[in-house]
Each structure stands twice: as structure tokens, then as C-alpha cells.
Amino acid sequence: MNLSVKLNNMTQIYNAANGELFSDKTLIQNYYPSLFALEEISFMLNRAMANKDRLTINEQLMGEYLATFENIAKHLELNTGLEIKILPDLPQYNYIQSAMMNIQHNGFRERDKNV
């Protein structure tokens, strides 16, 4: 529930910034692919929580994904550099891995456009 509220707030902020008269539309729109991928990840996580037959993953794998999420959040919030981390396969939920890799690549491309 908390993740869903934060994603909704982030989407509203994006829409408001994109609608501002004097905002840099190109800069703001560069974030859209990452927002879309985050919404997809949220959907997949909610779907996984509803699946009673879901596989559990070990703590090391969970830690790698959480560290990558944290790095992406720092990049988006603080505009810090983003080092692309190759994530290991996520059993039963390969789409989450794919979306995480896309977010990292989007952040890297977005940063290169602004340099």
C-alpha cells in the first residue's frame, strides 16, 4: 500500500511539473520511461504478493535488488551518478529484472543528455 501511494504521488508530481508553463519539457519527459517502469514493477510486486505459490529468494539476491533500487532512487532524487549494475536472474519474475535494467539504462541516457 505504501509503495502504491508513493508511486501515485510521484506520478502526480511528474504530471504537474510537465504541465507547468515554464518548465523544461524535454528534461522532465526524459524521466517518463523510468516512471513507467517503476509502475510496472509495482504491478508485478503486487501480483507476486497475491500469488500463494510464489518462490522466495535468498537474502543475498534480495540485497542486490534493494541496493540497486536505492542507487536508482538516489540518482533520481539527488541527481547523482548512476553506475549500471547487472542484476542476476530473479526466479519466476524475470520481468522485474528487465524493468530494473531498463530504469538503470534510462537514467544513464537521461544523464548523458543533460551533460
N, C-alpha and C. Protein backbone atom coordinates (compact mmCIF):
# COMPACT_ATOMS: atom_id res chain seq x y z
N MET A 1 0.82 -1.19 0.00
CA MET A 1 0.00 0.00 0.00
C MET A 1 0.86 1.26 0.00
N ASN A 2 1.90 1.28 0.84
CA ASN A 2 2.77 2.44 0.95
C ASN A 2 3.48 2.71 -0.38
N LEU A 3 3.95 1.65 -1.05
CA LEU A 3 4.61 1.80 -2.35
C LEU A 3 3.65 2.38 -3.36
N SER A 4 2.42 1.93 -3.34
CA SER A 4 1.41 2.43 -4.28
C SER A 4 1.15 3.92 -4.08
N VAL A 5 1.07 4.35 -2.83
CA VAL A 5 0.85 5.77 -2.53
C VAL A 5 2.02 6.60 -3.02
N LYS A 6 3.24 6.12 -2.78
CA LYS A 6 4.42 6.86 -3.22
C LYS A 6 4.49 6.95 -4.74
N LEU A 7 4.15 5.87 -5.43
CA LEU A 7 4.14 5.91 -6.89
C LEU A 7 3.08 6.88 -7.41
N ASN A 8 1.91 6.89 -6.79
CA ASN A 8 0.88 7.84 -7.19
C ASN A 8 1.33 9.27 -6.97
N ASN A 9 1.97 9.54 -5.84
CA ASN A 9 2.49 10.88 -5.57
C ASN A 9 3.55 11.28 -6.58
N MET A 10 4.44 10.36 -6.90
CA MET A 10 5.50 10.64 -7.86
C MET A 10 4.91 10.93 -9.24
N THR A 11 3.91 10.18 -9.63
CA THR A 11 3.26 10.40 -10.93
C THR A 11 2.57 11.75 -10.96
N GLN A 12 1.93 12.13 -9.87
CA GLN A 12 1.27 13.44 -9.81
C GLN A 12 2.29 14.58 -9.89
N ILE A 13 3.42 14.41 -9.23
CA ILE A 13 4.48 15.43 -9.30
C ILE A 13 5.00 15.54 -10.72
N TYR A 14 5.21 14.40 -11.38
CA TYR A 14 5.66 14.41 -12.77
C TYR A 14 4.66 15.14 -13.65
N ASN A 15 3.38 14.79 -13.52
CA ASN A 15 2.34 15.42 -14.34
C ASN A 15 2.25 16.92 -14.08
N ALA A 16 2.38 17.33 -12.83
CA ALA A 16 2.33 18.76 -12.50
C ALA A 16 3.54 19.49 -13.09
N ALA A 17 4.72 18.89 -12.95
CA ALA A 17 5.93 19.52 -13.50
C ALA A 17 5.86 19.60 -15.01
N ASN A 18 5.35 18.56 -15.63
CA ASN A 18 5.24 18.53 -17.09
C ASN A 18 4.23 19.55 -17.59
N GLY A 19 3.24 19.88 -16.76
CA GLY A 19 2.21 20.82 -17.16
C GLY A 19 2.54 22.28 -16.85
N GLU A 20 3.63 22.52 -16.12
CA GLU A 20 3.99 23.90 -15.79
C GLU A 20 4.37 24.65 -17.05
N LEU A 21 4.00 25.90 -17.09
CA LEU A 21 4.19 26.72 -18.28
C LEU A 21 5.66 26.92 -18.63
N PHE A 22 6.49 27.17 -17.63
CA PHE A 22 7.89 27.50 -17.90
C PHE A 22 8.86 26.36 -17.59
N SER A 23 8.38 25.16 -17.51
CA SER A 23 9.26 24.02 -17.20
C SER A 23 9.98 23.56 -18.47
N ASP A 24 11.11 22.91 -18.26
CA ASP A 24 11.87 22.33 -19.36
C ASP A 24 11.23 20.98 -19.70
N LYS A 25 10.34 20.99 -20.67
CA LYS A 25 9.55 19.79 -21.00
C LYS A 25 10.44 18.61 -21.37
N THR A 26 11.49 18.86 -22.15
CA THR A 26 12.35 17.76 -22.58
C THR A 26 13.02 17.10 -21.39
N LEU A 27 13.54 17.90 -20.48
CA LEU A 27 14.20 17.36 -19.28
C LEU A 27 13.22 16.54 -18.46
N ILE A 28 12.03 17.05 -18.26
CA ILE A 28 11.02 16.35 -17.46
C ILE A 28 10.57 15.07 -18.15
N GLN A 29 10.35 15.12 -19.45
CA GLN A 29 9.87 13.95 -20.18
C GLN A 29 10.91 12.84 -20.27
N ASN A 30 12.19 13.17 -20.04
CA ASN A 30 13.22 12.13 -20.01
C ASN A 30 13.00 11.15 -18.86
N TYR A 31 12.27 11.57 -17.84
CA TYR A 31 12.01 10.71 -16.69
C TYR A 31 10.84 9.76 -16.90
N TYR A 32 10.03 9.99 -17.93
CA TYR A 32 8.83 9.18 -18.12
C TYR A 32 9.11 7.68 -18.25
N PRO A 33 10.10 7.25 -19.05
CA PRO A 33 10.34 5.80 -19.15
C PRO A 33 10.65 5.15 -17.80
N SER A 34 11.36 5.86 -16.94
CA SER A 34 11.67 5.32 -15.62
C SER A 34 10.42 5.25 -14.75
N LEU A 35 9.58 6.26 -14.83
CA LEU A 35 8.32 6.24 -14.06
C LEU A 35 7.43 5.09 -14.52
N PHE A 36 7.36 4.90 -15.82
CA PHE A 36 6.54 3.82 -16.37
C PHE A 36 7.07 2.46 -15.89
N ALA A 37 8.39 2.28 -15.93
CA ALA A 37 8.99 1.02 -15.49
C ALA A 37 8.74 0.79 -13.99
N LEU A 38 8.80 1.85 -13.19
CA LEU A 38 8.52 1.71 -11.76
C LEU A 38 7.07 1.30 -11.52
N GLU A 39 6.16 1.84 -12.31
CA GLU A 39 4.76 1.43 -12.18
C GLU A 39 4.58 -0.03 -12.57
N GLU A 40 5.32 -0.48 -13.58
CA GLU A 40 5.27 -1.89 -13.97
C GLU A 40 5.81 -2.78 -12.86
N ILE A 41 6.91 -2.36 -12.24
CA ILE A 41 7.48 -3.14 -11.14
C ILE A 41 6.49 -3.21 -9.99
N SER A 42 5.85 -2.11 -9.68
CA SER A 42 4.84 -2.10 -8.62
C SER A 42 3.73 -3.10 -8.92
N PHE A 43 3.27 -3.11 -10.16
CA PHE A 43 2.23 -4.06 -10.56
C PHE A 43 2.71 -5.49 -10.38
N MET A 44 3.94 -5.78 -10.81
CA MET A 44 4.48 -7.13 -10.70
C MET A 44 4.65 -7.55 -9.23
N LEU A 45 5.09 -6.62 -8.39
CA LEU A 45 5.25 -6.95 -6.97
C LEU A 45 3.90 -7.22 -6.30
N ASN A 46 2.90 -6.41 -6.65
CA ASN A 46 1.56 -6.66 -6.11
C ASN A 46 1.02 -8.00 -6.58
N ARG A 47 1.28 -8.32 -7.82
CA ARG A 47 0.85 -9.61 -8.37
C ARG A 47 1.57 -10.77 -7.67
N ALA A 48 2.86 -10.57 -7.40
CA ALA A 48 3.63 -11.61 -6.71
C ALA A 48 3.11 -11.83 -5.29
N MET A 49 2.73 -10.75 -4.62
CA MET A 49 2.21 -10.87 -3.26
C MET A 49 0.90 -11.66 -3.23
N ALA A 50 0.13 -11.58 -4.30
CA ALA A 50 -1.15 -12.29 -4.36
C ALA A 50 -0.98 -13.76 -4.76
N ASN A 51 0.21 -14.12 -5.26
CA ASN A 51 0.47 -15.48 -5.72
C ASN A 51 0.88 -16.35 -4.52
N LYS A 52 0.03 -17.26 -4.14
CA LYS A 52 0.32 -18.12 -2.99
C LYS A 52 1.44 -19.13 -3.29
N ASP A 53 1.71 -19.39 -4.56
CA ASP A 53 2.75 -20.34 -4.95
C ASP A 53 4.05 -19.65 -5.35
N ARG A 54 4.23 -18.41 -4.94
CA ARG A 54 5.43 -17.67 -5.34
C ARG A 54 6.68 -18.29 -4.71
N LEU A 55 7.78 -18.15 -5.42
CA LEU A 55 9.06 -18.60 -4.91
C LEU A 55 9.65 -17.53 -4.01
N THR A 56 10.41 -17.94 -3.03
CA THR A 56 11.12 -16.96 -2.20
C THR A 56 12.56 -16.90 -2.70
N ILE A 57 13.17 -15.76 -2.52
CA ILE A 57 14.56 -15.60 -2.96
C ILE A 57 15.44 -15.43 -1.73
N ASN A 58 16.73 -15.73 -1.91
CA ASN A 58 17.63 -15.66 -0.76
C ASN A 58 17.98 -14.20 -0.43
N GLU A 59 18.54 -14.00 0.74
CA GLU A 59 18.82 -12.65 1.23
C GLU A 59 19.85 -11.93 0.38
N GLN A 60 20.83 -12.66 -0.15
CA GLN A 60 21.86 -12.02 -0.97
C GLN A 60 21.25 -11.43 -2.25
N LEU A 61 20.40 -12.20 -2.91
CA LEU A 61 19.74 -11.73 -4.12
C LEU A 61 18.83 -10.55 -3.80
N MET A 62 18.08 -10.65 -2.71
CA MET A 62 17.21 -9.55 -2.29
C MET A 62 18.05 -8.30 -2.02
N GLY A 63 19.19 -8.47 -1.38
CA GLY A 63 20.07 -7.35 -1.08
C GLY A 63 20.58 -6.66 -2.33
N GLU A 64 20.91 -7.44 -3.36
CA GLU A 64 21.39 -6.85 -4.61
C GLU A 64 20.30 -6.00 -5.26
N TYR A 65 19.08 -6.49 -5.25
CA TYR A 65 17.97 -5.73 -5.84
C TYR A 65 17.66 -4.48 -5.01
N LEU A 66 17.69 -4.61 -3.69
CA LEU A 66 17.41 -3.45 -2.84
C LEU A 66 18.49 -2.38 -2.99
N ALA A 67 19.76 -2.79 -3.07
CA ALA A 67 20.85 -1.83 -3.27
C ALA A 67 20.71 -1.11 -4.61
N THR A 68 20.30 -1.85 -5.62
CA THR A 68 20.10 -1.24 -6.94
C THR A 68 18.93 -0.26 -6.90
N PHE A 69 17.83 -0.64 -6.24
CA PHE A 69 16.70 0.28 -6.06
C PHE A 69 17.16 1.56 -5.36
N GLU A 70 17.97 1.40 -4.32
CA GLU A 70 18.45 2.55 -3.57
C GLU A 70 19.31 3.46 -4.44
N ASN A 71 20.18 2.87 -5.24
CA ASN A 71 21.02 3.67 -6.14
C ASN A 71 20.19 4.42 -7.16
N ILE A 72 19.16 3.77 -7.69
CA ILE A 72 18.26 4.43 -8.65
C ILE A 72 17.53 5.59 -7.96
N ALA A 73 17.05 5.36 -6.74
CA ALA A 73 16.35 6.41 -6.00
C ALA A 73 17.26 7.61 -5.76
N LYS A 74 18.51 7.35 -5.36
CA LYS A 74 19.46 8.44 -5.15
C LYS A 74 19.71 9.20 -6.45
N HIS A 75 19.83 8.46 -7.53
CA HIS A 75 20.06 9.10 -8.83
C HIS A 75 18.90 10.01 -9.20
N LEU A 76 17.68 9.52 -9.04
CA LEU A 76 16.51 10.31 -9.42
C LEU A 76 16.27 11.48 -8.47
N GLU A 77 16.48 11.25 -7.17
CA GLU A 77 16.18 12.28 -6.19
C GLU A 77 17.29 13.32 -6.07
N LEU A 78 18.53 12.87 -6.07
CA LEU A 78 19.66 13.78 -5.82
C LEU A 78 20.46 14.10 -7.08
N ASN A 79 20.07 13.51 -8.21
CA ASN A 79 20.76 13.70 -9.48
C ASN A 79 22.23 13.30 -9.38
N THR A 80 22.49 12.20 -8.68
CA THR A 80 23.84 11.67 -8.56
C THR A 80 24.14 10.76 -9.74
N GLY A 81 25.39 10.37 -9.87
CA GLY A 81 25.76 9.44 -10.93
C GLY A 81 25.11 8.09 -10.70
N LEU A 82 24.96 7.36 -11.78
CA LEU A 82 24.34 6.04 -11.69
C LEU A 82 25.25 5.03 -12.37
N GLU A 83 25.75 4.10 -11.58
CA GLU A 83 26.55 3.02 -12.13
C GLU A 83 25.62 1.85 -12.43
N ILE A 84 25.62 1.41 -13.68
CA ILE A 84 24.73 0.32 -14.07
C ILE A 84 25.23 -0.98 -13.47
N LYS A 85 24.36 -1.64 -12.74
CA LYS A 85 24.68 -2.93 -12.11
C LYS A 85 23.90 -4.02 -12.83
N ILE A 86 24.62 -5.02 -13.28
CA ILE A 86 23.98 -6.17 -13.92
C ILE A 86 23.35 -7.02 -12.82
N LEU A 87 22.05 -7.16 -12.90
CA LEU A 87 21.32 -7.90 -11.87
C LEU A 87 21.18 -9.38 -12.23
N PRO A 88 21.32 -10.26 -11.24
CA PRO A 88 21.13 -11.68 -11.51
C PRO A 88 19.66 -11.99 -11.79
N ASP A 89 19.43 -13.15 -12.39
CA ASP A 89 18.06 -13.56 -12.69
C ASP A 89 17.24 -13.62 -11.41
N LEU A 90 15.99 -13.25 -11.55
CA LEU A 90 15.05 -13.30 -10.44
C LEU A 90 14.06 -14.41 -10.76
N PRO A 91 14.19 -15.54 -10.06
CA PRO A 91 13.33 -16.68 -10.39
C PRO A 91 11.85 -16.30 -10.38
N GLN A 92 11.15 -16.74 -11.39
CA GLN A 92 9.71 -16.58 -11.54
C GLN A 92 9.29 -15.15 -11.92
N TYR A 93 10.18 -14.17 -11.78
CA TYR A 93 9.83 -12.78 -12.06
C TYR A 93 10.92 -12.09 -12.88
N ASN A 94 11.22 -12.65 -14.03
CA ASN A 94 12.25 -12.08 -14.89
C ASN A 94 11.90 -10.68 -15.37
N TYR A 95 10.61 -10.37 -15.44
CA TYR A 95 10.20 -9.05 -15.91
C TYR A 95 10.67 -7.95 -14.95
N ILE A 96 10.73 -8.25 -13.66
CA ILE A 96 11.22 -7.26 -12.69
C ILE A 96 12.68 -6.95 -12.96
N GLN A 97 13.46 -7.98 -13.24
CA GLN A 97 14.87 -7.77 -13.57
C GLN A 97 14.99 -6.90 -14.82
N SER A 98 14.20 -7.21 -15.83
CA SER A 98 14.23 -6.45 -17.08
C SER A 98 13.86 -4.99 -16.85
N ALA A 99 12.83 -4.75 -16.06
CA ALA A 99 12.40 -3.37 -15.78
C ALA A 99 13.47 -2.62 -15.00
N MET A 100 14.12 -3.28 -14.05
CA MET A 100 15.19 -2.64 -13.27
C MET A 100 16.36 -2.27 -14.17
N MET A 101 16.71 -3.15 -15.09
CA MET A 101 17.80 -2.84 -16.03
C MET A 101 17.41 -1.67 -16.92
N ASN A 102 16.15 -1.63 -17.37
CA ASN A 102 15.68 -0.52 -18.20
C ASN A 102 15.76 0.81 -17.45
N ILE A 103 15.38 0.81 -16.18
CA ILE A 103 15.45 2.04 -15.39
C ILE A 103 16.89 2.52 -15.30
N GLN A 104 17.81 1.60 -15.06
CA GLN A 104 19.22 1.99 -14.97
C GLN A 104 19.70 2.58 -16.29
N HIS A 105 19.36 1.94 -17.40
CA HIS A 105 19.79 2.44 -18.71
C HIS A 105 19.12 3.77 -19.02
N ASN A 106 17.85 3.93 -18.66
CA ASN A 106 17.15 5.21 -18.87
C ASN A 106 17.83 6.32 -18.09
N GLY A 107 18.20 6.04 -16.85
CA GLY A 107 18.89 7.04 -16.02
C GLY A 107 20.22 7.42 -16.60
N PHE A 108 20.92 6.46 -17.15
CA PHE A 108 22.22 6.71 -17.76
C PHE A 108 22.05 7.58 -19.00
N ARG A 109 21.07 7.26 -19.85
CA ARG A 109 20.81 8.06 -21.06
C ARG A 109 20.34 9.46 -20.70
N GLU A 110 19.49 9.56 -19.69
CA GLU A 110 18.98 10.87 -19.27
C GLU A 110 20.13 11.74 -18.79
N ARG A 111 21.07 11.17 -18.05
CA ARG A 111 22.21 11.93 -17.56
C ARG A 111 23.08 12.39 -18.71
N ASP A 112 23.31 11.51 -19.70
CA ASP A 112 24.14 11.86 -20.84
C ASP A 112 23.53 12.99 -21.67
N LYS A 113 22.20 13.05 -21.74
CA LYS A 113 21.53 14.12 -22.50
C LYS A 113 21.73 15.47 -21.82
N ASN A 114 21.87 15.46 -20.51
CA ASN A 114 21.96 16.72 -19.77
C ASN A 114 23.39 17.21 -19.61
N VAL A 115 24.36 16.43 -20.05
CA VAL A 115 25.77 16.83 -19.89
C VAL A 115 26.17 17.72 -21.03
